[in-house]
C-alpha atoms as a PDB file:
ATOM      1  CA  UNK A   1      -0.104  -0.200  -0.202  1.00  0.00           C
ATOM      2  CA  UNK A   2       1.503   3.467  -0.956  1.00  0.00           C
ATOM      3  CA  UNK A   3       0.152   6.724  -0.532  1.00  0.00           C
ATOM      4  CA  UNK A   4       0.195   8.232  -4.179  1.00  0.00           C
ATOM      5  CA  UNK A   5      -0.944  11.976  -4.141  1.00  0.00           C
ATOM      6  CA  UNK A   6      -1.437  13.977  -0.713  1.00  0.00           C
ATOM      7  CA  UNK A   7      -3.983  17.173  -0.982  1.00  0.00           C
ATOM      8  CA  UNK A   8      -5.829  19.989   1.047  1.00  0.00           C
ATOM      9  CA  UNK A   9      -9.361  19.860   0.200  1.00  0.00           C
ATOM     10  CA  UNK A  10     -10.565  23.255  -0.496  1.00  0.00           C
ATOM     11  CA  UNK A  11     -12.001  24.876   1.950  1.00  0.00           C
ATOM     12  CA  UNK A  12     -15.718  24.877   1.945  1.00  0.00           C
ATOM     13  CA  UNK A  13     -15.789  28.886   0.928  1.00  0.00           C
ATOM     14  CA  UNK A  14     -17.292  30.794  -1.224  1.00  0.00           C
ATOM     15  CA  UNK A  15     -14.145  31.249  -3.464  1.00  0.00           C
ATOM     16  CA  UNK A  16     -14.768  28.131  -6.730  1.00  0.00           C
ATOM     17  CA  UNK A  17     -13.299  25.155  -6.032  1.00  0.00           C
ATOM     18  CA  UNK A  18     -12.384  22.234  -8.638  1.00  0.00           C
ATOM     19  CA  UNK A  19     -13.384  18.696  -6.979  1.00  0.00           C
ATOM     20  CA  UNK A  20     -14.542  15.386  -8.552  1.00  0.00           C
ATOM     21  CA  UNK A  21     -12.899  15.090 -11.817  1.00  0.00           C
ATOM     22  CA  UNK A  22     -14.555  12.091 -14.226  1.00  0.00           C
ATOM     23  CA  UNK A  23     -12.740  11.658 -17.183  1.00  0.00           C
ATOM     24  CA  UNK A  24     -15.053  10.274 -20.181  1.00  0.00           C
ATOM     25  CA  UNK A  25     -12.918   7.391 -21.933  1.00  0.00           C
ATOM     26  CA  UNK A  26     -13.403   7.857 -25.324  1.00  0.00           C
ATOM     27  CA  UNK A  27     -12.661  11.241 -25.966  1.00  0.00           C
ATOM     28  CA  UNK A  28     -10.546  12.488 -22.109  1.00  0.00           C
ATOM     29  CA  UNK A  29     -12.503  15.162 -21.851  1.00  0.00           C
ATOM     30  CA  UNK A  30     -12.967  16.201 -18.345  1.00  0.00           C
ATOM     31  CA  UNK A  31     -16.627  16.641 -16.154  1.00  0.00           C
ATOM     32  CA  UNK A  32     -15.818  18.747 -12.867  1.00  0.00           C
ATOM     33  CA  UNK A  33     -17.825  20.542 -10.416  1.00  0.00           C
ATOM     34  CA  UNK A  34     -16.894  23.919  -9.548  1.00  0.00           C
ATOM     35  CA  UNK A  35     -18.511  25.265  -5.904  1.00  0.00           C
ATOM     36  CA  UNK A  36     -20.093  29.107  -6.270  1.00  0.00           C
ATOM     37  CA  UNK A  37     -21.635  29.753  -2.784  1.00  0.00           C
ATOM     38  CA  UNK A  38     -20.697  27.618   0.369  1.00  0.00           C
ATOM     39  CA  UNK A  39     -19.903  27.362   4.246  1.00  0.00           C
ATOM     40  CA  UNK A  40     -21.385  30.488   6.297  1.00  0.00           C
ATOM     41  CA  UNK A  41     -23.392  30.718   8.653  1.00  0.00           C
ATOM     42  CA  UNK A  42     -27.454  32.305   7.155  1.00  0.00           C
ATOM     43  CA  UNK A  43     -26.570  35.839   8.587  1.00  0.00           C
ATOM     44  CA  UNK A  44     -24.045  37.603  10.881  1.00  0.00           C
ATOM     45  CA  UNK A  45     -23.945  36.523  13.821  1.00  0.00           C
ATOM     46  CA  UNK A  46     -21.355  35.519  16.748  1.00  0.00           C
ATOM     47  CA  UNK A  47     -23.851  32.766  18.332  1.00  0.00           C
ATOM     48  CA  UNK A  48     -26.840  30.353  18.086  1.00  0.00           C
ATOM     49  CA  UNK A  49     -29.336  29.160  20.431  1.00  0.00           C
ATOM     50  CA  UNK A  50     -31.753  26.875  19.410  1.00  0.00           C
ATOM     51  CA  UNK A  51     -35.120  25.762  20.627  1.00  0.00           C
ATOM     52  CA  UNK A  52     -34.444  22.111  20.225  1.00  0.00           C
ATOM     53  CA  UNK A  53     -31.681  21.140  22.641  1.00  0.00           C
ATOM     54  CA  UNK A  54     -30.402  18.144  20.114  1.00  0.00           C
ATOM     55  CA  UNK A  55     -30.392  20.707  17.227  1.00  0.00           C
ATOM     56  CA  UNK A  56     -26.616  21.412  17.433  1.00  0.00           C
ATOM     57  CA  UNK A  57     -25.560  21.181  13.641  1.00  0.00           C
ATOM     58  CA  UNK A  58     -24.794  23.937  11.252  1.00  0.00           C
ATOM     59  CA  UNK A  59     -27.218  25.826   8.824  1.00  0.00           C
ATOM     60  CA  UNK A  60     -26.533  23.994   5.321  1.00  0.00           C
ATOM     61  CA  UNK A  61     -24.060  25.010   3.579  1.00  0.00           C
ATOM     62  CA  UNK A  62     -24.019  23.885   0.094  1.00  0.00           C
ATOM     63  CA  UNK A  63     -25.388  26.359  -2.106  1.00  0.00           C
ATOM     64  CA  UNK A  64     -24.763  26.892  -5.539  1.00  0.00           C
ATOM     65  CA  UNK A  65     -22.682  24.743  -8.244  1.00  0.00           C
ATOM     66  CA  UNK A  66     -22.075  23.608 -11.636  1.00  0.00           C
ATOM     67  CA  UNK A  67     -20.706  21.069 -13.666  1.00  0.00           C
ATOM     68  CA  UNK A  68     -18.529  21.890 -16.436  1.00  0.00           C
ATOM     69  CA  UNK A  69     -16.894  19.981 -19.303  1.00  0.00           C
ATOM     70  CA  UNK A  70     -13.290  20.758 -20.542  1.00  0.00           C
ATOM     71  CA  UNK A  71     -11.281  18.929 -23.304  1.00  0.00           C
ATOM     72  CA  UNK A  72      -7.461  18.467 -21.876  1.00  0.00           C
ATOM     73  CA  UNK A  73      -5.308  21.249 -23.115  1.00  0.00           C
ATOM     74  CA  UNK A  74      -7.859  23.555 -24.133  1.00  0.00           C
ATOM     75  CA  UNK A  75      -6.949  27.063 -24.504  1.00  0.00           C
ATOM     76  CA  UNK A  76     -10.588  29.108 -24.326  1.00  0.00           C
ATOM     77  CA  UNK A  77     -11.562  30.360 -20.921  1.00  0.00           C
ATOM     78  CA  UNK A  78     -13.513  28.287 -18.871  1.00  0.00           C
ATOM     79  CA  UNK A  79     -16.900  30.122 -19.225  1.00  0.00           C
ATOM     80  CA  UNK A  80     -17.445  28.844 -22.730  1.00  0.00           C
ATOM     81  CA  UNK A  81     -17.310  25.300 -21.792  1.00  0.00           C
ATOM     82  CA  UNK A  82     -20.350  23.236 -21.499  1.00  0.00           C
ATOM     83  CA  UNK A  83     -22.003  24.036 -18.068  1.00  0.00           C
ATOM     84  CA  UNK A  84     -25.112  22.742 -15.902  1.00  0.00           C
ATOM     85  CA  UNK A  85     -26.039  25.172 -12.959  1.00  0.00           C
ATOM     86  CA  UNK A  86     -25.917  23.326  -9.628  1.00  0.00           C
ATOM     87  CA  UNK A  87     -28.808  24.846  -6.579  1.00  0.00           C
ATOM     88  CA  UNK A  88     -28.810  22.818  -3.498  1.00  0.00           C
ATOM     89  CA  UNK A  89     -31.660  23.014  -1.652  1.00  0.00           C
ATOM     90  CA  UNK A  90     -31.224  24.182   1.936  1.00  0.00           C
ATOM     91  CA  UNK A  91     -31.581  28.401   2.592  1.00  0.00           C
ATOM     92  CA  UNK A  92     -34.211  30.328   1.651  1.00  0.00           C
ATOM     93  CA  UNK A  93     -34.946  34.145   2.969  1.00  0.00           C
ATOM     94  CA  UNK A  94     -38.511  35.281   3.766  1.00  0.00           C
ATOM     95  CA  UNK A  95     -38.229  39.045   3.181  1.00  0.00           C
ATOM     96  CA  UNK A  96     -42.296  38.892   4.050  1.00  0.00           C
ATOM     97  CA  UNK A  97     -41.470  38.084   7.629  1.00  0.00           C
ATOM     98  CA  UNK A  98     -39.036  40.756   8.063  1.00  0.00           C
ATOM     99  CA  UNK A  99     -39.983  43.249  11.061  1.00  0.00           C
ATOM    100  CA  UNK A 100     -39.787  46.864  10.505  1.00  0.00           C
ATOM    101  CA  UNK A 101     -36.691  46.231   8.373  1.00  0.00           C
ATOM    102  CA  UNK A 102     -34.453  45.096  11.678  1.00  0.00           C
ATOM    103  CA  UNK A 103     -34.332  41.460  11.178  1.00  0.00           C
ATOM    104  CA  UNK A 104     -34.560  38.550   8.862  1.00  0.00           C
ATOM    105  CA  UNK A 105     -36.262  35.472   8.883  1.00  0.00           C
ATOM    106  CA  UNK A 106     -34.037  32.490   7.294  1.00  0.00           C
ATOM    107  CA  UNK A 107     -36.167  29.161   6.083  1.00  0.00           C
ATOM    108  CA  UNK A 108     -33.360  26.333   6.456  1.00  0.00           C
ATOM    109  CA  UNK A 109     -33.719  22.984   5.543  1.00  0.00           C
ATOM    110  CA  UNK A 110     -30.927  20.696   6.900  1.00  0.00           C
ATOM    111  CA  UNK A 111     -31.343  17.727   4.075  1.00  0.00           C
ATOM    112  CA  UNK A 112     -28.802  14.574   4.755  1.00  0.00           C
ATOM    113  CA  UNK A 113     -26.613  15.566   1.992  1.00  0.00           C
ATOM    114  CA  UNK A 114     -26.402  18.437   3.568  1.00  0.00           C
ATOM    115  CA  UNK A 115     -25.815  17.396   6.913  1.00  0.00           C
ATOM    116  CA  UNK A 116     -23.179  15.173   5.146  1.00  0.00           C
ATOM    117  CA  UNK A 117     -21.712  17.738   3.417  1.00  0.00           C
ATOM    118  CA  UNK A 118     -20.995  19.354   6.936  1.00  0.00           C
ATOM    119  CA  UNK A 119     -19.502  16.829   8.640  1.00  0.00           C
ATOM    120  CA  UNK A 120     -18.190  15.229   6.043  1.00  0.00           C
ATOM    121  CA  UNK A 121     -17.105  17.570   3.315  1.00  0.00           C
ATOM    122  CA  UNK A 122     -18.531  15.215   0.817  1.00  0.00           C
ATOM    123  CA  UNK A 123     -20.475  16.114  -1.906  1.00  0.00           C
ATOM    124  CA  UNK A 124     -23.395  14.858  -3.654  1.00  0.00           C
ATOM    125  CA  UNK A 125     -23.138  16.145  -6.778  1.00  0.00           C
ATOM    126  CA  UNK A 126     -19.787  14.386  -8.472  1.00  0.00           C
ATOM    127  CA  UNK A 127     -20.617  13.605 -12.199  1.00  0.00           C
ATOM    128  CA  UNK A 128     -20.563   9.860 -14.228  1.00  0.00           C
ATOM    129  CA  UNK A 129     -20.318   9.611 -17.788  1.00  0.00           C
ATOM    130  CA  UNK A 130     -22.530   7.120 -19.617  1.00  0.00           C
ATOM    131  CA  UNK A 131     -20.680   4.808 -21.600  1.00  0.00           C
ATOM    132  CA  UNK A 132     -19.947   6.511 -25.563  1.00  0.00           C
ATOM    133  CA  UNK A 133     -19.963   9.785 -23.866  1.00  0.00           C
ATOM    134  CA  UNK A 134     -23.318  11.358 -24.877  1.00  0.00           C
ATOM    135  CA  UNK A 135     -24.758  12.420 -21.189  1.00  0.00           C
ATOM    136  CA  UNK A 136     -23.553  12.887 -17.741  1.00  0.00           C
ATOM    137  CA  UNK A 137     -25.126  11.678 -14.383  1.00  0.00           C
ATOM    138  CA  UNK A 138     -25.133  13.816 -11.589  1.00  0.00           C
ATOM    139  CA  UNK A 139     -27.234  14.902  -8.510  1.00  0.00           C
ATOM    140  CA  UNK A 140     -28.243  17.873  -6.707  1.00  0.00           C
ATOM    141  CA  UNK A 141     -28.612  16.042  -3.504  1.00  0.00           C
ATOM    142  CA  UNK A 142     -32.545  15.397  -3.744  1.00  0.00           C
ATOM    143  CA  UNK A 143     -32.355  13.466  -6.928  1.00  0.00           C
ATOM    144  CA  UNK A 144     -30.630  12.471  -9.608  1.00  0.00           C
ATOM    145  CA  UNK A 145     -30.464  13.997 -13.660  1.00  0.00           C
ATOM    146  CA  UNK A 146     -29.332  13.488 -16.690  1.00  0.00           C
ATOM    147  CA  UNK A 147     -27.117  16.355 -18.987  1.00  0.00           C
ATOM    148  CA  UNK A 148     -26.230  16.074 -22.283  1.00  0.00           C
ATOM    149  CA  UNK A 149     -23.868  18.726 -22.786  1.00  0.00           C
ATOM    150  CA  UNK A 150     -23.787  18.756 -26.450  1.00  0.00           C
ATOM    151  CA  UNK A 151     -26.999  20.304 -26.464  1.00  0.00           C
ATOM    152  CA  UNK A 152     -27.514  21.434 -23.028  1.00  0.00           C
ATOM    153  CA  UNK A 153     -30.512  19.153 -22.757  1.00  0.00           C
ATOM    154  CA  UNK A 154     -31.434  17.512 -18.878  1.00  0.00           C
ATOM    155  CA  UNK A 155     -33.792  15.612 -17.144  1.00  0.00           C
ATOM    156  CA  UNK A 156     -34.120  13.660 -13.897  1.00  0.00           C
ATOM    157  CA  UNK A 157     -33.997  10.047 -13.378  1.00  0.00           C
ATOM    158  CA  UNK A 158     -37.223   8.647 -11.505  1.00  0.00           C
ATOM    159  CA  UNK A 159     -36.979   6.603  -8.568  1.00  0.00           C
ATOM    160  CA  UNK A 160     -33.515   8.555  -7.447  1.00  0.00           C
ATOM    161  CA  UNK A 161     -35.324  10.374  -4.149  1.00  0.00           C
ATOM    162  CA  UNK A 162     -32.859  11.398  -1.997  1.00  0.00           C
ATOM    163  CA  UNK A 163     -29.663  10.135  -4.839  1.00  0.00           C
ATOM    164  CA  UNK A 164     -26.252  11.594  -4.641  1.00  0.00           C
ATOM    165  CA  UNK A 165     -23.103  10.496  -5.758  1.00  0.00           C
ATOM    166  CA  UNK A 166     -24.291   8.545  -9.030  1.00  0.00           C
ATOM    167  CA  UNK A 167     -22.184   5.904 -11.669  1.00  0.00           C
ATOM    168  CA  UNK A 168     -23.238   4.993 -14.705  1.00  0.00           C
ATOM    169  CA  UNK A 169     -22.711   0.943 -14.987  1.00  0.00           C
ATOM    170  CA  UNK A 170     -19.733  -0.175 -17.846  1.00  0.00           C
ATOM    171  CA  UNK A 171     -23.124  -1.838 -20.077  1.00  0.00           C
ATOM    172  CA  UNK A 172     -24.716   2.247 -19.970  1.00  0.00           C
ATOM    173  CA  UNK A 173     -27.749   0.117 -18.535  1.00  0.00           C
ATOM    174  CA  UNK A 174     -28.042   1.527 -15.143  1.00  0.00           C
ATOM    175  CA  UNK A 175     -26.738   3.668 -12.874  1.00  0.00           C
ATOM    176  CA  UNK A 176     -25.705   3.115  -8.922  1.00  0.00           C
ATOM    177  CA  UNK A 177     -26.284   5.829  -6.209  1.00  0.00           C
ATOM    178  CA  UNK A 178     -26.237   6.470  -2.602  1.00  0.00           C
ATOM    179  CA  UNK A 179     -29.380   7.231  -1.037  1.00  0.00           C
ATOM    180  CA  UNK A 180     -29.680   8.568   2.237  1.00  0.00           C
ATOM    181  CA  UNK A 181     -32.198   7.240   4.264  1.00  0.00           C
ATOM    182  CA  UNK A 182     -33.720   9.871   6.002  1.00  0.00           C
ATOM    183  CA  UNK A 183     -34.710   9.905  10.038  1.00  0.00           C
ATOM    184  CA  UNK A 184     -37.782  11.203  12.121  1.00  0.00           C
ATOM    185  CA  UNK A 185     -38.207  14.763  10.888  1.00  0.00           C
ATOM    186  CA  UNK A 186     -38.145  17.680  13.655  1.00  0.00           C
ATOM    187  CA  UNK A 187     -38.297  21.302  13.255  1.00  0.00           C
ATOM    188  CA  UNK A 188     -36.915  24.258  15.912  1.00  0.00           C
ATOM    189  CA  UNK A 189     -36.296  28.104  16.047  1.00  0.00           C
ATOM    190  CA  UNK A 190     -33.074  29.468  16.320  1.00  0.00           C
ATOM    191  CA  UNK A 191     -31.981  33.189  17.445  1.00  0.00           C
ATOM    192  CA  UNK A 192     -28.384  34.109  15.615  1.00  0.00           C
ATOM    193  CA  UNK A 193     -26.808  36.574  18.203  1.00  0.00           C
ATOM    194  CA  UNK A 194     -24.601  39.650  18.004  1.00  0.00           C
ATOM    195  CA  UNK A 195     -23.200  40.681  20.851  1.00  0.00           C
ATOM    196  CA  UNK A 196     -22.340  44.463  21.263  1.00  0.00           C
ATOM    197  CA  UNK A 197     -21.855  46.904  24.771  1.00  0.00           C
ATOM    198  CA  UNK A 198     -25.479  46.771  25.620  1.00  0.00           C
ATOM    199  CA  UNK A 199     -25.281  43.029  25.602  1.00  0.00           C
ATOM    200  CA  UNK A 200     -26.851  40.171  23.075  1.00  0.00           C
ATOM    201  CA  UNK A 201     -28.831  41.443  20.337  1.00  0.00           C
ATOM    202  CA  UNK A 202     -30.551  39.043  17.495  1.00  0.00           C
ATOM    203  CA  UNK A 203     -29.351  39.608  14.237  1.00  0.00           C
ATOM    204  CA  UNK A 204     -31.630  37.208  12.376  1.00  0.00           C
ATOM    205  CA  UNK A 205     -34.056  34.183  13.268  1.00  0.00           C
ATOM    206  CA  UNK A 206     -33.893  30.913  11.561  1.00  0.00           C
ATOM    207  CA  UNK A 207     -36.723  28.546  11.027  1.00  0.00           C
ATOM    208  CA  UNK A 208     -35.289  25.284  10.682  1.00  0.00           C
ATOM    209  CA  UNK A 209     -36.169  21.814   9.139  1.00  0.00           C
ATOM    210  CA  UNK A 210     -33.671  18.741  10.088  1.00  0.00           C
ATOM    211  CA  UNK A 211     -33.549  15.263   8.934  1.00  0.00           C
ATOM    212  CA  UNK A 212     -30.633  12.685  10.374  1.00  0.00           C
ATOM    213  CA  UNK A 213     -29.731  10.209   8.452  1.00  0.00           C
ATOM    214  CA  UNK A 214     -30.819   7.013   9.628  1.00  0.00           C
ATOM    215  CA  UNK A 215     -28.796   5.308   7.266  1.00  0.00           C
ATOM    216  CA  UNK A 216     -26.852   4.964   3.897  1.00  0.00           C
ATOM    217  CA  UNK A 217     -28.126   2.599   1.139  1.00  0.00           C
ATOM    218  CA  UNK A 218     -26.442   1.491  -2.180  1.00  0.00           C
ATOM    219  CA  UNK A 219     -28.479   1.589  -4.965  1.00  0.00           C
ATOM    220  CA  UNK A 220     -29.402   0.320  -8.717  1.00  0.00           C
ATOM    221  CA  UNK A 221     -31.491   1.808 -10.789  1.00  0.00           C
ATOM    222  CA  UNK A 222     -32.051   1.589 -14.738  1.00  0.00           C
ATOM    223  CA  UNK A 223     -31.193   4.601 -16.575  1.00  0.00           C
ATOM    224  CA  UNK A 224     -34.084   5.796 -17.839  1.00  0.00           C
ATOM    225  CA  UNK A 225     -35.630   5.855 -14.320  1.00  0.00           C
ATOM    226  CA  UNK A 226     -37.633   3.030 -12.274  1.00  0.00           C
ATOM    227  CA  UNK A 227     -38.116   0.598  -9.576  1.00  0.00           C
ATOM    228  CA  UNK A 228     -34.280   0.969  -7.896  1.00  0.00           C
ATOM    229  CA  UNK A 229     -33.104  -2.250  -6.307  1.00  0.00           C
ATOM    230  CA  UNK A 230     -31.106  -1.968  -2.820  1.00  0.00           C
ATOM    231  CA  UNK A 231     -27.947  -3.816  -3.098  1.00  0.00           C
ATOM    232  CA  UNK A 232     -26.042  -3.159   0.152  1.00  0.00           C
ATOM    233  CA  UNK A 233     -25.059  -0.339   3.176  1.00  0.00           C
ATOM    234  CA  UNK A 234     -22.938   2.038   2.452  1.00  0.00           C
ATOM    235  CA  UNK A 235     -21.659   5.101  -0.029  1.00  0.00           C
ATOM    236  CA  UNK A 236     -20.314   6.290  -2.550  1.00  0.00           C
ATOM    237  CA  UNK A 237     -20.152   3.422  -5.277  1.00  0.00           C
ATOM    238  CA  UNK A 238     -18.019   2.196  -7.827  1.00  0.00           C
ATOM    239  CA  UNK A 239     -18.001  -0.760 -10.762  1.00  0.00           C
ATOM    240  CA  UNK A 240     -15.392  -2.909 -11.689  1.00  0.00           C
ATOM    241  CA  UNK A 241     -14.990  -2.433 -15.404  1.00  0.00           C
ATOM    242  CA  UNK A 242     -16.572  -5.548 -16.316  1.00  0.00           C
ATOM    243  CA  UNK A 243     -19.440  -4.349 -14.559  1.00  0.00           C
ATOM    244  CA  UNK A 244     -19.748  -7.832 -11.831  1.00  0.00           C
ATOM    245  CA  UNK A 245     -18.781  -6.056  -9.367  1.00  0.00           C
ATOM    246  CA  UNK A 246     -19.700  -2.356  -7.006  1.00  0.00           C
ATOM    247  CA  UNK A 247     -17.336  -1.068  -4.407  1.00  0.00           C
ATOM    248  CA  UNK A 248     -18.661   1.097  -1.884  1.00  0.00           C
ATOM    249  CA  UNK A 249     -17.698   2.966   1.534  1.00  0.00           C
ATOM    250  CA  UNK A 250     -19.199   1.537   4.435  1.00  0.00           C
ATOM    251  CA  UNK A 251     -17.651   1.629   7.917  1.00  0.00           C
ATOM    252  CA  UNK A 252     -14.519   3.158   7.000  1.00  0.00           C
ATOM    253  CA  UNK A 253     -13.428   0.754   5.156  1.00  0.00           C
ATOM    254  CA  UNK A 254     -14.073  -0.081   1.184  1.00  0.00           C
ATOM    255  CA  UNK A 255     -16.072  -3.215   0.591  1.00  0.00           C
ATOM    256  CA  UNK A 256     -17.066  -4.838  -3.074  1.00  0.00           C
ATOM    257  CA  UNK A 257     -20.330  -6.713  -3.819  1.00  0.00           C
ATOM    258  CA  UNK A 258     -21.757  -8.277  -6.495  1.00  0.00           C
ATOM    259  CA  UNK A 259     -23.660  -6.105  -8.803  1.00  0.00           C
ATOM    260  CA  UNK A 260     -26.827  -8.059  -8.658  1.00  0.00           C
ATOM    261  CA  UNK A 261     -26.556  -8.053  -4.510  1.00  0.00           C
ATOM    262  CA  UNK A 262     -24.979 -10.585  -2.037  1.00  0.00           C
ATOM    263  CA  UNK A 263     -22.796 -10.949   1.004  1.00  0.00           C
ATOM    264  CA  UNK A 264     -20.271  -7.989   0.603  1.00  0.00           C
ATOM    265  CA  UNK A 265     -16.453  -8.597   1.358  1.00  0.00           C
ATOM    266  CA  UNK A 266     -13.572  -6.112   3.206  1.00  0.00           C
ATOM    267  CA  UNK A 267     -11.437  -4.993   0.965  1.00  0.00           C
ATOM    268  CA  UNK A 268      -7.739  -5.045   2.632  1.00  0.00           C
ATOM    269  CA  UNK A 269      -5.528  -2.326   3.887  1.00  0.00           C
ATOM    270  CA  UNK A 270      -8.953   0.880   3.256  1.00  0.00           C
ATOM    271  CA  UNK A 271      -9.306   1.586   6.661  1.00  0.00           C
ATOM    272  CA  UNK A 272     -10.538   5.168   6.910  1.00  0.00           C
ATOM    273  CA  UNK A 273     -11.303   5.105   3.118  1.00  0.00           C
ATOM    274  CA  UNK A 274     -13.790   7.094   1.019  1.00  0.00           C
ATOM    275  CA  UNK A 275     -14.905   7.555  -2.619  1.00  0.00           C
ATOM    276  CA  UNK A 276     -13.171   4.288  -4.556  1.00  0.00           C
ATOM    277  CA  UNK A 277     -12.524   4.085  -7.862  1.00  0.00           C
ATOM    278  CA  UNK A 278     -11.002   1.407  -9.905  1.00  0.00           C
ATOM    279  CA  UNK A 279      -8.504   1.092 -12.352  1.00  0.00           C
ATOM    280  CA  UNK A 280      -9.493   0.630 -15.916  1.00  0.00           C
ATOM    281  CA  UNK A 281      -8.183  -3.060 -16.220  1.00  0.00           C
ATOM    282  CA  UNK A 282      -9.704  -3.956 -13.093  1.00  0.00           C
ATOM    283  CA  UNK A 283      -6.468  -4.751 -10.911  1.00  0.00           C
ATOM    284  CA  UNK A 284      -5.830  -1.455  -8.879  1.00  0.00           C
ATOM    285  CA  UNK A 285      -8.403   0.240  -6.226  1.00  0.00           C
ATOM    286  CA  UNK A 286      -7.318   4.157  -5.661  1.00  0.00           C
ATOM    287  CA  UNK A 287      -9.990   6.021  -2.427  1.00  0.00           C
ATOM    288  CA  UNK A 288      -9.497   9.021  -0.152  1.00  0.00           C
ATOM    289  CA  UNK A 289      -8.108   8.256   2.978  1.00  0.00           C
ATOM    290  CA  UNK A 290      -9.167  11.080   4.895  1.00  0.00           C
ATOM    291  CA  UNK A 291      -7.571  12.855   8.127  1.00  0.00           C
ATOM    292  CA  UNK A 292      -9.266  15.891   9.852  1.00  0.00           C
ATOM    293  CA  UNK A 293     -12.057  17.388   7.850  1.00  0.00           C
ATOM    294  CA  UNK A 294     -11.163  18.594   4.505  1.00  0.00           C
ATOM    295  CA  UNK A 295      -7.623  17.138   4.185  1.00  0.00           C
ATOM    296  CA  UNK A 296      -6.674  13.321   3.398  1.00  0.00           C
ATOM    297  CA  UNK A 297      -5.013  11.334   0.757  1.00  0.00           C
ATOM    298  CA  UNK A 298      -5.415   9.713  -2.271  1.00  0.00           C
ATOM    299  CA  UNK A 299      -4.348   5.502  -1.757  1.00  0.00           C
ATOM    300  CA  UNK A 300      -3.917   2.462  -4.298  1.00  0.00           C
ATOM    301  CA  UNK A 301      -4.478  -1.309  -3.233  1.00  0.00           C
ATOM    302  CA  UNK A 302      -4.126  -3.919  -5.887  1.00  0.00           C
ATOM    303  CA  UNK A 303      -7.389  -5.943  -5.824  1.00  0.00           C
ATOM    304  CA  UNK A 304      -7.875  -9.753  -5.409  1.00  0.00           C
END
């Protein structure tokens, strides 16, 4: 086992980030995700106080992003590349409830994909190429959608609610994805406070709805939508080149399971592993080995 490339993930800030690249084997085109707005509070408060004592989570961090497609060696500006805008649900400002122009009311929805990004820094919106390179599949955290860069057409994939981290099968017939199964919904009101010489002042009010992650399942669905099939517990599925196996992150290791379902087996030397990817010849497995939040290494191990 060897460290291939140490890296620092970009901070979850307002600056665009280059994330989750996916290479289309036929042409070499690269699809990647940029974050345009992420992180920070819903308003400029110094502290937060919520009615529900168990509401300790930060507000939704993912806001806006986009998927772009670029040819290697291209000399044109990135803004000329095919682009799919992404809007991550979770934050909106309720202007109608602003009392006397003094404070605002923010409506926030802490979906499971937002919680996971806050806690682990994992994007729901990685892109995966359809074999042949005609379309991409990606996610806004709430469902999967396909996108055809050549003409800009797009559409949702039925049966993929709460789906993220998609991976198109090598034969093009199905898409594997992560479903973050929601726990019980609860709601609370939070006050964001600032502190001055006269004491704390309410900067804004947040009306929050939260859904904890009950469990994470790897699902497979027909590429044009349909009834999804649960394969195993885990996240971030990756296909073997022959389409026989799915590699998934689970219990801080990488596991593999037959694409049709069955008993999963752990891959040795993948402790603290996430985001698996299999080499084109099927002999090696790459994965990220996470350290502190936002940092990690890229590792490669041989496969049986």
